[in-house]
Amino acid sequence: MNWHSQEIDELVRRALAEDVGSGDATTAAIVPAGTPAKATILARQTLMCAGLRIAESVFRALDPEMHVRYLHHDGSFVEAGAKLIELTGEARAILTGERTALNFLAHLCGIATHTKRFVEK
């Protein structure tokens, strides 16, 4: 199955429109366009990874040249504090997409983690 699809693109577009609207005014005001940045997404608690590629799609929608390095994969069980994804790209894209990407990750990792607990029982 191809994880990148028109449906995912549309879902990401709609989520960014809802979360960011016409733009991230704070980031635009304080971060010069083209400023490079690096970021890491960490697991705040022990969890089952899910939605990493959708998070990537959020950042790539804002910066098609974003470099995304997975440190774990969907289906991996990780401890709190584990690094999930490293990003290198435009600072504005990272800051603007952060909330949307984290919303997807929190929701999907939560479902996967809860499901894993049911399976274990």
PDB file of N, CA and C in Angstrom:
ATOM      1  N   MET A   1       0.841  -1.186   0.000  1.00  0.00           N
ATOM      2  CA  MET A   1       0.000   0.000   0.000  1.00  0.00           C
ATOM      3  C   MET A   1       0.878   1.239   0.000  1.00  0.00           C
ATOM      4  N   ASN A   2       0.589   2.160  -0.888  1.00  0.00           N
ATOM      5  CA  ASN A   2       1.312   3.417  -0.952  1.00  0.00           C
ATOM      6  C   ASN A   2       0.778   4.340   0.136  1.00  0.00           C
ATOM      7  N   TRP A   3       1.635   4.694   1.091  1.00  0.00           N
ATOM      8  CA  TRP A   3       1.183   5.510   2.220  1.00  0.00           C
ATOM      9  C   TRP A   3       0.885   6.929   1.799  1.00  0.00           C
ATOM     10  N   HIS A   4       1.488   7.399   0.725  1.00  0.00           N
ATOM     11  CA  HIS A   4       1.250   8.772   0.277  1.00  0.00           C
ATOM     12  C   HIS A   4       0.130   8.747  -0.749  1.00  0.00           C
ATOM     13  N   SER A   5      -0.948   9.421  -0.453  1.00  0.00           N
ATOM     14  CA  SER A   5      -2.100   9.385  -1.338  1.00  0.00           C
ATOM     15  C   SER A   5      -2.791  10.735  -1.354  1.00  0.00           C
ATOM     16  N   GLN A   6      -3.710  10.875  -2.269  1.00  0.00           N
ATOM     17  CA  GLN A   6      -4.501  12.101  -2.340  1.00  0.00           C
ATOM     18  C   GLN A   6      -5.319  12.285  -1.062  1.00  0.00           C
ATOM     19  N   GLU A   7      -5.778  11.188  -0.476  1.00  0.00           N
ATOM     20  CA  GLU A   7      -6.569  11.280   0.747  1.00  0.00           C
ATOM     21  C   GLU A   7      -5.723  11.837   1.900  1.00  0.00           C
ATOM     22  N   ILE A   8      -4.489  11.373   2.019  1.00  0.00           N
ATOM     23  CA  ILE A   8      -3.610  11.885   3.070  1.00  0.00           C
ATOM     24  C   ILE A   8      -3.280  13.348   2.800  1.00  0.00           C
ATOM     25  N   ASP A   9      -2.967  13.676   1.548  1.00  0.00           N
ATOM     26  CA  ASP A   9      -2.691  15.069   1.192  1.00  0.00           C
ATOM     27  C   ASP A   9      -3.868  15.968   1.562  1.00  0.00           C
ATOM     28  N   GLU A  10      -5.077  15.520   1.280  1.00  0.00           N
ATOM     29  CA  GLU A  10      -6.271  16.314   1.587  1.00  0.00           C
ATOM     30  C   GLU A  10      -6.472  16.427   3.099  1.00  0.00           C
ATOM     31  N   LEU A  11      -6.265  15.344   3.824  1.00  0.00           N
ATOM     32  CA  LEU A  11      -6.382  15.364   5.284  1.00  0.00           C
ATOM     33  C   LEU A  11      -5.385  16.354   5.888  1.00  0.00           C
ATOM     34  N   VAL A  12      -4.149  16.313   5.427  1.00  0.00           N
ATOM     35  CA  VAL A  12      -3.115  17.227   5.916  1.00  0.00           C
ATOM     36  C   VAL A  12      -3.470  18.667   5.556  1.00  0.00           C
ATOM     37  N   ARG A  13      -3.914  18.888   4.337  1.00  0.00           N
ATOM     38  CA  ARG A  13      -4.290  20.237   3.903  1.00  0.00           C
ATOM     39  C   ARG A  13      -5.396  20.802   4.789  1.00  0.00           C
ATOM     40  N   ARG A  14      -6.418  19.983   5.053  1.00  0.00           N
ATOM     41  CA  ARG A  14      -7.527  20.436   5.893  1.00  0.00           C
ATOM     42  C   ARG A  14      -7.082  20.697   7.334  1.00  0.00           C
ATOM     43  N   ALA A  15      -6.225  19.827   7.865  1.00  0.00           N
ATOM     44  CA  ALA A  15      -5.738  20.011   9.229  1.00  0.00           C
ATOM     45  C   ALA A  15      -4.899  21.281   9.343  1.00  0.00           C
ATOM     46  N   LEU A  16      -4.029  21.532   8.368  1.00  0.00           N
ATOM     47  CA  LEU A  16      -3.232  22.761   8.388  1.00  0.00           C
ATOM     48  C   LEU A  16      -4.121  23.993   8.247  1.00  0.00           C
ATOM     49  N   ALA A  17      -5.135  23.910   7.401  1.00  0.00           N
ATOM     50  CA  ALA A  17      -6.059  25.041   7.241  1.00  0.00           C
ATOM     51  C   ALA A  17      -6.760  25.337   8.559  1.00  0.00           C
ATOM     52  N   GLU A  18      -7.132  24.302   9.289  1.00  0.00           N
ATOM     53  CA  GLU A  18      -7.811  24.488  10.579  1.00  0.00           C
ATOM     54  C   GLU A  18      -6.850  25.003  11.649  1.00  0.00           C
ATOM     55  N   ASP A  19      -5.652  24.425  11.720  1.00  0.00           N
ATOM     56  CA  ASP A  19      -4.700  24.781  12.775  1.00  0.00           C
ATOM     57  C   ASP A  19      -3.964  26.087  12.521  1.00  0.00           C
ATOM     58  N   VAL A  20      -3.650  26.356  11.252  1.00  0.00           N
ATOM     59  CA  VAL A  20      -2.797  27.497  10.916  1.00  0.00           C
ATOM     60  C   VAL A  20      -3.573  28.601  10.209  1.00  0.00           C
ATOM     61  N   GLY A  21      -4.640  28.228   9.518  1.00  0.00           N
ATOM     62  CA  GLY A  21      -5.438  29.218   8.793  1.00  0.00           C
ATOM     63  C   GLY A  21      -4.631  29.901   7.713  1.00  0.00           C
ATOM     64  N   SER A  22      -4.630  31.223   7.732  1.00  0.00           N
ATOM     65  CA  SER A  22      -3.941  31.977   6.682  1.00  0.00           C
ATOM     66  C   SER A  22      -2.445  32.110   6.944  1.00  0.00           C
ATOM     67  N   GLY A  23      -1.967  31.560   8.045  1.00  0.00           N
ATOM     68  CA  GLY A  23      -0.536  31.596   8.307  1.00  0.00           C
ATOM     69  C   GLY A  23      -0.229  31.668   9.785  1.00  0.00           C
ATOM     70  N   ASP A  24       1.024  31.449  10.099  1.00  0.00           N
ATOM     71  CA  ASP A  24       1.505  31.496  11.470  1.00  0.00           C
ATOM     72  C   ASP A  24       2.132  32.873  11.677  1.00  0.00           C
ATOM     73  N   ALA A  25       1.341  33.815  12.168  1.00  0.00           N
ATOM     74  CA  ALA A  25       1.770  35.209  12.289  1.00  0.00           C
ATOM     75  C   ALA A  25       2.983  35.365  13.200  1.00  0.00           C
ATOM     76  N   THR A  26       3.022  34.644  14.299  1.00  0.00           N
ATOM     77  CA  THR A  26       4.135  34.767  15.237  1.00  0.00           C
ATOM     78  C   THR A  26       5.436  34.308  14.584  1.00  0.00           C
ATOM     79  N   THR A  27       5.412  33.144  13.961  1.00  0.00           N
ATOM     80  CA  THR A  27       6.611  32.635  13.304  1.00  0.00           C
ATOM     81  C   THR A  27       7.050  33.569  12.186  1.00  0.00           C
ATOM     82  N   ALA A  28       6.099  34.040  11.384  1.00  0.00           N
ATOM     83  CA  ALA A  28       6.433  34.950  10.283  1.00  0.00           C
ATOM     84  C   ALA A  28       7.056  36.243  10.801  1.00  0.00           C
ATOM     85  N   ALA A  29       6.626  36.679  11.974  1.00  0.00           N
ATOM     86  CA  ALA A  29       7.125  37.934  12.533  1.00  0.00           C
ATOM     87  C   ALA A  29       8.527  37.813  13.127  1.00  0.00           C
ATOM     88  N   ILE A  30       8.887  36.640  13.632  1.00  0.00           N
ATOM     89  CA  ILE A  30      10.167  36.537  14.345  1.00  0.00           C
ATOM     90  C   ILE A  30      11.212  35.658  13.676  1.00  0.00           C
ATOM     91  N   VAL A  31      10.821  34.850  12.689  1.00  0.00           N
ATOM     92  CA  VAL A  31      11.772  33.954  12.035  1.00  0.00           C
ATOM     93  C   VAL A  31      11.923  34.370  10.574  1.00  0.00           C
ATOM     94  N   PRO A  32      13.121  34.810  10.171  1.00  0.00           N
ATOM     95  CA  PRO A  32      13.324  35.190   8.774  1.00  0.00           C
ATOM     96  C   PRO A  32      13.092  34.012   7.823  1.00  0.00           C
ATOM     97  N   ALA A  33      12.491  34.293   6.681  1.00  0.00           N
ATOM     98  CA  ALA A  33      12.259  33.258   5.668  1.00  0.00           C
ATOM     99  C   ALA A  33      13.598  32.618   5.294  1.00  0.00           C
ATOM    100  N   GLY A  34      13.579  31.311   5.114  1.00  0.00           N
ATOM    101  CA  GLY A  34      14.770  30.581   4.702  1.00  0.00           C
ATOM    102  C   GLY A  34      15.716  30.200   5.817  1.00  0.00           C
ATOM    103  N   THR A  35      15.373  30.534   7.062  1.00  0.00           N
ATOM    104  CA  THR A  35      16.232  30.184   8.191  1.00  0.00           C
ATOM    105  C   THR A  35      16.245  28.665   8.373  1.00  0.00           C
ATOM    106  N   PRO A  36      17.425  28.044   8.344  1.00  0.00           N
ATOM    107  CA  PRO A  36      17.477  26.592   8.528  1.00  0.00           C
ATOM    108  C   PRO A  36      17.312  26.222  10.004  1.00  0.00           C
ATOM    109  N   ALA A  37      16.784  25.038  10.238  1.00  0.00           N
ATOM    110  CA  ALA A  37      16.594  24.567  11.617  1.00  0.00           C
ATOM    111  C   ALA A  37      16.610  23.051  11.665  1.00  0.00           C
ATOM    112  N   LYS A  38      16.849  22.557  12.863  1.00  0.00           N
ATOM    113  CA  LYS A  38      16.759  21.118  13.143  1.00  0.00           C
ATOM    114  C   LYS A  38      15.814  20.957  14.319  1.00  0.00           C
ATOM    115  N   ALA A  39      15.071  19.872  14.319  1.00  0.00           N
ATOM    116  CA  ALA A  39      14.153  19.589  15.419  1.00  0.00           C
ATOM    117  C   ALA A  39      14.055  18.084  15.616  1.00  0.00           C
ATOM    118  N   THR A  40      13.688  17.704  16.815  1.00  0.00           N
ATOM    119  CA  THR A  40      13.485  16.295  17.141  1.00  0.00           C
ATOM    120  C   THR A  40      12.132  16.154  17.812  1.00  0.00           C
ATOM    121  N   ILE A  41      11.387  15.149  17.412  1.00  0.00           N
ATOM    122  CA  ILE A  41      10.113  14.833  18.060  1.00  0.00           C
ATOM    123  C   ILE A  41      10.370  13.665  19.003  1.00  0.00           C
ATOM    124  N   LEU A  42      10.015  13.868  20.267  1.00  0.00           N
ATOM    125  CA  LEU A  42      10.228  12.872  21.314  1.00  0.00           C
ATOM    126  C   LEU A  42       8.912  12.276  21.784  1.00  0.00           C
ATOM    127  N   ALA A  43       8.967  11.051  22.257  1.00  0.00           N
ATOM    128  CA  ALA A  43       7.808  10.422  22.904  1.00  0.00           C
ATOM    129  C   ALA A  43       7.732  10.945  24.333  1.00  0.00           C
ATOM    130  N   ARG A  44       6.598  11.511  24.711  1.00  0.00           N
ATOM    131  CA  ARG A  44       6.437  12.021  26.075  1.00  0.00           C
ATOM    132  C   ARG A  44       6.150  10.903  27.068  1.00  0.00           C
ATOM    133  N   GLN A  45       5.705   9.770  26.561  1.00  0.00           N
ATOM    134  CA  GLN A  45       5.412   8.626  27.421  1.00  0.00           C
ATOM    135  C   GLN A  45       5.704   7.359  26.656  1.00  0.00           C
ATOM    136  N   THR A  46       5.690   6.225  27.335  1.00  0.00           N
ATOM    137  CA  THR A  46       5.854   4.939  26.667  1.00  0.00           C
ATOM    138  C   THR A  46       4.667   4.750  25.735  1.00  0.00           C
ATOM    139  N   LEU A  47       4.949   4.373  24.480  1.00  0.00           N
ATOM    140  CA  LEU A  47       3.864   4.287  23.504  1.00  0.00           C
ATOM    141  C   LEU A  47       4.191   3.377  22.337  1.00  0.00           C
ATOM    142  N   MET A  48       3.152   3.073  21.579  1.00  0.00           N
ATOM    143  CA  MET A  48       3.263   2.366  20.316  1.00  0.00           C
ATOM    144  C   MET A  48       3.234   3.437  19.227  1.00  0.00           C
ATOM    145  N   CYS A  49       4.268   3.485  18.388  1.00  0.00           N
ATOM    146  CA  CYS A  49       4.345   4.503  17.327  1.00  0.00           C
ATOM    147  C   CYS A  49       3.284   4.269  16.263  1.00  0.00           C
ATOM    148  N   ALA A  50       2.675   5.347  15.848  1.00  0.00           N
ATOM    149  CA  ALA A  50       1.732   5.314  14.728  1.00  0.00           C
ATOM    150  C   ALA A  50       1.584   6.740  14.195  1.00  0.00           C
ATOM    151  N   GLY A  51       1.516   6.872  12.891  1.00  0.00           N
ATOM    152  CA  GLY A  51       1.292   8.173  12.274  1.00  0.00           C
ATOM    153  C   GLY A  51       2.543   8.938  11.910  1.00  0.00           C
ATOM    154  N   LEU A  52       3.700   8.304  11.957  1.00  0.00           N
ATOM    155  CA  LEU A  52       4.944   9.005  11.659  1.00  0.00           C
ATOM    156  C   LEU A  52       4.962   9.559  10.233  1.00  0.00           C
ATOM    157  N   ARG A  53       4.460   8.803   9.299  1.00  0.00           N
ATOM    158  CA  ARG A  53       4.463   9.264   7.903  1.00  0.00           C
ATOM    159  C   ARG A  53       3.461  10.390   7.670  1.00  0.00           C
ATOM    160  N   ILE A  54       2.383  10.404   8.418  1.00  0.00           N
ATOM    161  CA  ILE A  54       1.438  11.524   8.291  1.00  0.00           C
ATOM    162  C   ILE A  54       2.078  12.787   8.864  1.00  0.00           C
ATOM    163  N   ALA A  55       2.805  12.638   9.970  1.00  0.00           N
ATOM    164  CA  ALA A  55       3.537  13.783  10.511  1.00  0.00           C
ATOM    165  C   ALA A  55       4.538  14.299   9.474  1.00  0.00           C
ATOM    166  N   GLU A  56       5.241  13.395   8.827  1.00  0.00           N
ATOM    167  CA  GLU A  56       6.163  13.794   7.756  1.00  0.00           C
ATOM    168  C   GLU A  56       5.431  14.563   6.666  1.00  0.00           C
ATOM    169  N   SER A  57       4.254  14.096   6.297  1.00  0.00           N
ATOM    170  CA  SER A  57       3.469  14.767   5.257  1.00  0.00           C
ATOM    171  C   SER A  57       3.111  16.195   5.642  1.00  0.00           C
ATOM    172  N   VAL A  58       2.868  16.433   6.922  1.00  0.00           N
ATOM    173  CA  VAL A  58       2.578  17.794   7.395  1.00  0.00           C
ATOM    174  C   VAL A  58       3.773  18.696   7.113  1.00  0.00           C
ATOM    175  N   PHE A  59       4.958  18.258   7.515  1.00  0.00           N
ATOM    176  CA  PHE A  59       6.145  19.082   7.334  1.00  0.00           C
ATOM    177  C   PHE A  59       6.501  19.254   5.856  1.00  0.00           C
ATOM    178  N   ARG A  60       6.327  18.202   5.070  1.00  0.00           N
ATOM    179  CA  ARG A  60       6.629  18.306   3.639  1.00  0.00           C
ATOM    180  C   ARG A  60       5.624  19.182   2.897  1.00  0.00           C
ATOM    181  N   ALA A  61       4.401  19.290   3.412  1.00  0.00           N
ATOM    182  CA  ALA A  61       3.420  20.193   2.799  1.00  0.00           C
ATOM    183  C   ALA A  61       3.871  21.641   2.944  1.00  0.00           C
ATOM    184  N   LEU A  62       4.612  21.923   4.009  1.00  0.00           N
ATOM    185  CA  LEU A  62       5.091  23.273   4.282  1.00  0.00           C
ATOM    186  C   LEU A  62       6.493  23.520   3.727  1.00  0.00           C
ATOM    187  N   ASP A  63       7.282  22.477   3.588  1.00  0.00           N
ATOM    188  CA  ASP A  63       8.640  22.554   3.043  1.00  0.00           C
ATOM    189  C   ASP A  63       8.919  21.245   2.307  1.00  0.00           C
ATOM    190  N   PRO A  64       8.694  21.218   0.990  1.00  0.00           N
ATOM    191  CA  PRO A  64       8.901  19.985   0.230  1.00  0.00           C
ATOM    192  C   PRO A  64      10.327  19.436   0.320  1.00  0.00           C
ATOM    193  N   GLU A  65      11.272  20.271   0.705  1.00  0.00           N
ATOM    194  CA  GLU A  65      12.673  19.844   0.816  1.00  0.00           C
ATOM    195  C   GLU A  65      13.040  19.382   2.231  1.00  0.00           C
ATOM    196  N   MET A  66      12.070  19.315   3.124  1.00  0.00           N
ATOM    197  CA  MET A  66      12.319  18.906   4.510  1.00  0.00           C
ATOM    198  C   MET A  66      12.973  17.527   4.524  1.00  0.00           C
ATOM    199  N   HIS A  67      14.050  17.390   5.270  1.00  0.00           N
ATOM    200  CA  HIS A  67      14.688  16.091   5.461  1.00  0.00           C
ATOM    201  C   HIS A  67      14.113  15.482   6.732  1.00  0.00           C
ATOM    202  N   VAL A  68      13.566  14.288   6.604  1.00  0.00           N
ATOM    203  CA  VAL A  68      12.936  13.606   7.738  1.00  0.00           C
ATOM    204  C   VAL A  68      13.656  12.283   7.960  1.00  0.00           C
ATOM    205  N   ARG A  69      14.133  12.082   9.181  1.00  0.00           N
ATOM    206  CA  ARG A  69      14.817  10.832   9.529  1.00  0.00           C
ATOM    207  C   ARG A  69      14.025  10.144  10.635  1.00  0.00           C
ATOM    208  N   TYR A  70      13.568   8.940  10.336  1.00  0.00           N
ATOM    209  CA  TYR A  70      12.840   8.161  11.339  1.00  0.00           C
ATOM    210  C   TYR A  70      13.833   7.455  12.255  1.00  0.00           C
ATOM    211  N   LEU A  71      13.605   7.553  13.544  1.00  0.00           N
ATOM    212  CA  LEU A  71      14.434   6.853  14.511  1.00  0.00           C
ATOM    213  C   LEU A  71      13.711   5.622  15.053  1.00  0.00           C
ATOM    214  N   HIS A  72      12.421   5.557  14.786  1.00  0.00           N
ATOM    215  CA  HIS A  72      11.576   4.394  15.056  1.00  0.00           C
ATOM    216  C   HIS A  72      10.572   4.331  13.914  1.00  0.00           C
ATOM    217  N   HIS A  73       9.810   3.278  13.863  1.00  0.00           N
ATOM    218  CA  HIS A  73       8.826   3.111  12.789  1.00  0.00           C
ATOM    219  C   HIS A  73       7.454   2.829  13.377  1.00  0.00           C
ATOM    220  N   ASP A  74       6.415   3.083  12.582  1.00  0.00           N
ATOM    221  CA  ASP A  74       5.065   2.730  13.016  1.00  0.00           C
ATOM    222  C   ASP A  74       5.069   1.261  13.441  1.00  0.00           C
ATOM    223  N   GLY A  75       4.474   0.989  14.575  1.00  0.00           N
ATOM    224  CA  GLY A  75       4.443  -0.365  15.116  1.00  0.00           C
ATOM    225  C   GLY A  75       5.532  -0.625  16.145  1.00  0.00           C
ATOM    226  N   SER A  76       6.479   0.311  16.284  1.00  0.00           N
ATOM    227  CA  SER A  76       7.532   0.171  17.299  1.00  0.00           C
ATOM    228  C   SER A  76       6.976   0.566  18.662  1.00  0.00           C
ATOM    229  N   PHE A  77       7.358  -0.175  19.675  1.00  0.00           N
ATOM    230  CA  PHE A  77       7.007   0.175  21.046  1.00  0.00           C
ATOM    231  C   PHE A  77       8.209   0.885  21.633  1.00  0.00           C
ATOM    232  N   VAL A  78       8.036   2.113  22.124  1.00  0.00           N
ATOM    233  CA  VAL A  78       9.170   2.907  22.607  1.00  0.00           C
ATOM    234  C   VAL A  78       8.901   3.428  24.014  1.00  0.00           C
ATOM    235  N   GLU A  79       9.971   3.679  24.713  1.00  0.00           N
ATOM    236  CA  GLU A  79       9.902   4.212  26.072  1.00  0.00           C
ATOM    237  C   GLU A  79       9.780   5.732  26.038  1.00  0.00           C
ATOM    238  N   ALA A  80       9.300   6.300  27.119  1.00  0.00           N
ATOM    239  CA  ALA A  80       9.213   7.757  27.255  1.00  0.00           C
ATOM    240  C   ALA A  80      10.589   8.372  27.031  1.00  0.00           C
ATOM    241  N   GLY A  81      10.611   9.469  26.296  1.00  0.00           N
ATOM    242  CA  GLY A  81      11.854  10.166  26.008  1.00  0.00           C
ATOM    243  C   GLY A  81      12.544   9.723  24.740  1.00  0.00           C
ATOM    244  N   ALA A  82      12.055   8.654  24.128  1.00  0.00           N
ATOM    245  CA  ALA A  82      12.671   8.168  22.893  1.00  0.00           C
ATOM    246  C   ALA A  82      12.505   9.183  21.775  1.00  0.00           C
ATOM    247  N   LYS A  83      13.543   9.334  20.970  1.00  0.00           N
ATOM    248  CA  LYS A  83      13.467  10.186  19.790  1.00  0.00           C
ATOM    249  C   LYS A  83      12.734   9.419  18.697  1.00  0.00           C
ATOM    250  N   LEU A  84      11.703  10.042  18.129  1.00  0.00           N
ATOM    251  CA  LEU A  84      10.921   9.393  17.089  1.00  0.00           C
ATOM    252  C   LEU A  84      11.338   9.845  15.691  1.00  0.00           C
ATOM    253  N   ILE A  85      11.491  11.156  15.520  1.00  0.00           N
ATOM    254  CA  ILE A  85      11.778  11.738  14.211  1.00  0.00           C
ATOM    255  C   ILE A  85      12.761  12.894  14.394  1.00  0.00           C
ATOM    256  N   GLU A  86      13.716  13.014  13.464  1.00  0.00           N
ATOM    257  CA  GLU A  86      14.570  14.191  13.379  1.00  0.00           C
ATOM    258  C   GLU A  86      14.225  14.925  12.094  1.00  0.00           C
ATOM    259  N   LEU A  87      14.100  16.242  12.177  1.00  0.00           N
ATOM    260  CA  LEU A  87      13.749  17.076  11.030  1.00  0.00           C
ATOM    261  C   LEU A  87      14.871  18.075  10.765  1.00  0.00           C
ATOM    262  N   THR A  88      15.161  18.298   9.498  1.00  0.00           N
ATOM    263  CA  THR A  88      16.080  19.347   9.090  1.00  0.00           C
ATOM    264  C   THR A  88      15.428  20.051   7.911  1.00  0.00           C
ATOM    265  N   GLY A  89      15.219  21.355   8.062  1.00  0.00           N
ATOM    266  CA  GLY A  89      14.568  22.106   6.996  1.00  0.00           C
ATOM    267  C   GLY A  89      14.368  23.550   7.400  1.00  0.00           C
ATOM    268  N   GLU A  90      13.426  24.185   6.754  1.00  0.00           N
ATOM    269  CA  GLU A  90      13.157  25.587   7.031  1.00  0.00           C
ATOM    270  C   GLU A  90      12.479  25.729   8.406  1.00  0.00           C
ATOM    271  N   ALA A  91      13.008  26.641   9.211  1.00  0.00           N
ATOM    272  CA  ALA A  91      12.489  26.847  10.567  1.00  0.00           C
ATOM    273  C   ALA A  91      11.008  27.188  10.562  1.00  0.00           C
ATOM    274  N   ARG A  92      10.597  28.042   9.642  1.00  0.00           N
ATOM    275  CA  ARG A  92       9.177  28.418   9.603  1.00  0.00           C
ATOM    276  C   ARG A  92       8.287  27.200   9.382  1.00  0.00           C
ATOM    277  N   ALA A  93       8.696  26.289   8.525  1.00  0.00           N
ATOM    278  CA  ALA A  93       7.900  25.091   8.257  1.00  0.00           C
ATOM    279  C   ALA A  93       7.827  24.196   9.486  1.00  0.00           C
ATOM    280  N   ILE A  94       8.951  24.049  10.178  1.00  0.00           N
ATOM    281  CA  ILE A  94       8.973  23.210  11.382  1.00  0.00           C
ATOM    282  C   ILE A  94       8.065  23.807  12.458  1.00  0.00           C
ATOM    283  N   LEU A  95       8.205  25.098  12.707  1.00  0.00           N
ATOM    284  CA  LEU A  95       7.393  25.738  13.746  1.00  0.00           C
ATOM    285  C   LEU A  95       5.916  25.790  13.384  1.00  0.00           C
ATOM    286  N   THR A  96       5.620  26.040  12.128  1.00  0.00           N
ATOM    287  CA  THR A  96       4.228  26.130  11.691  1.00  0.00           C
ATOM    288  C   THR A  96       3.542  24.768  11.711  1.00  0.00           C
ATOM    289  N   GLY A  97       4.254  23.731  11.320  1.00  0.00           N
ATOM    290  CA  GLY A  97       3.657  22.399  11.244  1.00  0.00           C
ATOM    291  C   GLY A  97       3.676  21.610  12.531  1.00  0.00           C
ATOM    292  N   GLU A  98       4.412  22.106  13.514  1.00  0.00           N
ATOM    293  CA  GLU A  98       4.599  21.361  14.759  1.00  0.00           C
ATOM    294  C   GLU A  98       3.282  20.928  15.409  1.00  0.00           C
ATOM    295  N   ARG A  99       2.373  21.846  15.649  1.00  0.00           N
ATOM    296  CA  ARG A  99       1.134  21.523  16.354  1.00  0.00           C
ATOM    297  C   ARG A  99       0.293  20.513  15.573  1.00  0.00           C
ATOM    298  N   THR A 100       0.174  20.719  14.275  1.00  0.00           N
ATOM    299  CA  THR A 100      -0.622  19.804  13.451  1.00  0.00           C
ATOM    300  C   THR A 100      -0.016  18.408  13.461  1.00  0.00           C
ATOM    301  N   ALA A 101       1.296  18.318  13.266  1.00  0.00           N
ATOM    302  CA  ALA A 101       1.961  17.013  13.259  1.00  0.00           C
ATOM    303  C   ALA A 101       1.830  16.320  14.609  1.00  0.00           C
ATOM    304  N   LEU A 102       2.015  17.078  15.690  1.00  0.00           N
ATOM    305  CA  LEU A 102       1.899  16.480  17.022  1.00  0.00           C
ATOM    306  C   LEU A 102       0.472  16.042  17.330  1.00  0.00           C
ATOM    307  N   ASN A 103      -0.515  16.782  16.822  1.00  0.00           N
ATOM    308  CA  ASN A 103      -1.908  16.357  17.009  1.00  0.00           C
ATOM    309  C   ASN A 103      -2.145  15.001  16.350  1.00  0.00           C
ATOM    310  N   PHE A 104      -1.678  14.841  15.116  1.00  0.00           N
ATOM    311  CA  PHE A 104      -1.824  13.544  14.439  1.00  0.00           C
ATOM    312  C   PHE A 104      -1.104  12.452  15.229  1.00  0.00           C
ATOM    313  N   LEU A 105       0.137  12.709  15.619  1.00  0.00           N
ATOM    314  CA  LEU A 105       0.906  11.700  16.347  1.00  0.00           C
ATOM    315  C   LEU A 105       0.255  11.331  17.675  1.00  0.00           C
ATOM    316  N   ALA A 106      -0.170  12.321  18.437  1.00  0.00           N
ATOM    317  CA  ALA A 106      -0.784  12.037  19.737  1.00  0.00           C
ATOM    318  C   ALA A 106      -2.033  11.170  19.579  1.00  0.00           C
ATOM    319  N   HIS A 107      -2.860  11.524  18.608  1.00  0.00           N
ATOM    320  CA  HIS A 107      -4.099  10.778  18.404  1.00  0.00           C
ATOM    321  C   HIS A 107      -3.811   9.352  17.930  1.00  0.00           C
ATOM    322  N   LEU A 108      -2.970   9.210  16.923  1.00  0.00           N
ATOM    323  CA  LEU A 108      -2.718   7.890  16.344  1.00  0.00           C
ATOM    324  C   LEU A 108      -1.884   7.009  17.264  1.00  0.00           C
ATOM    325  N   CYS A 109      -0.882   7.570  17.940  1.00  0.00           N
ATOM    326  CA  CYS A 109      -0.112   6.782  18.909  1.00  0.00           C
ATOM    327  C   CYS A 109      -1.002   6.362  20.081  1.00  0.00           C
ATOM    328  N   GLY A 110      -1.912   7.246  20.478  1.00  0.00           N
ATOM    329  CA  GLY A 110      -2.841   6.896  21.556  1.00  0.00           C
ATOM    330  C   GLY A 110      -3.713   5.712  21.193  1.00  0.00           C
ATOM    331  N   ILE A 111      -4.252   5.716  19.988  1.00  0.00           N
ATOM    332  CA  ILE A 111      -5.074   4.588  19.532  1.00  0.00           C
ATOM    333  C   ILE A 111      -4.242   3.312  19.476  1.00  0.00           C
ATOM    334  N   ALA A 112      -3.048   3.394  18.896  1.00  0.00           N
ATOM    335  CA  ALA A 112      -2.195   2.208  18.756  1.00  0.00           C
ATOM    336  C   ALA A 112      -1.778   1.667  20.121  1.00  0.00           C
ATOM    337  N   THR A 113      -1.459   2.544  21.042  1.00  0.00           N
ATOM    338  CA  THR A 113      -1.041   2.127  22.380  1.00  0.00           C
ATOM    339  C   THR A 113      -2.201   1.461  23.127  1.00  0.00           C
ATOM    340  N   HIS A 114      -3.364   2.061  23.022  1.00  0.00           N
ATOM    341  CA  HIS A 114      -4.550   1.500  23.673  1.00  0.00           C
ATOM    342  C   HIS A 114      -4.886   0.124  23.073  1.00  0.00           C
ATOM    343  N   THR A 115      -4.793   0.014  21.771  1.00  0.00           N
ATOM    344  CA  THR A 115      -5.055  -1.266  21.098  1.00  0.00           C
ATOM    345  C   THR A 115      -4.061  -2.325  21.550  1.00  0.00           C
ATOM    346  N   LYS A 116      -2.784  -1.951  21.664  1.00  0.00           N
ATOM    347  CA  LYS A 116      -1.755  -2.907  22.124  1.00  0.00           C
ATOM    348  C   LYS A 116      -2.106  -3.435  23.518  1.00  0.00           C
ATOM    349  N   ARG A 117      -2.599  -2.567  24.375  1.00  0.00           N
ATOM    350  CA  ARG A 117      -2.963  -3.005  25.731  1.00  0.00           C
ATOM    351  C   ARG A 117      -4.120  -4.001  25.703  1.00  0.00           C
ATOM    352  N   PHE A 118      -5.093  -3.784  24.820  1.00  0.00           N
ATOM    353  CA  PHE A 118      -6.193  -4.741  24.673  1.00  0.00           C
ATOM    354  C   PHE A 118      -5.686  -6.079  24.172  1.00  0.00           C
ATOM    355  N   VAL A 119      -4.802  -6.052  23.196  1.00  0.00           N
ATOM    356  CA  VAL A 119      -4.254  -7.283  22.631  1.00  0.00           C
ATOM    357  C   VAL A 119      -3.488  -8.060  23.693  1.00  0.00           C
ATOM    358  N   GLU A 120      -2.719  -7.349  24.522  1.00  0.00           N
ATOM    359  CA  GLU A 120      -1.948  -8.019  25.578  1.00  0.00           C
ATOM    360  C   GLU A 120      -2.841  -8.703  26.584  1.00  0.00           C
ATOM    361  N   LYS A 121      -4.018  -8.141  26.843  1.00  0.00           N
ATOM    362  CA  LYS A 121      -4.931  -8.732  27.822  1.00  0.00           C
ATOM    363  C   LYS A 121      -5.663  -9.906  27.222  1.00  0.00           C
TER     364      LYS A 121
END
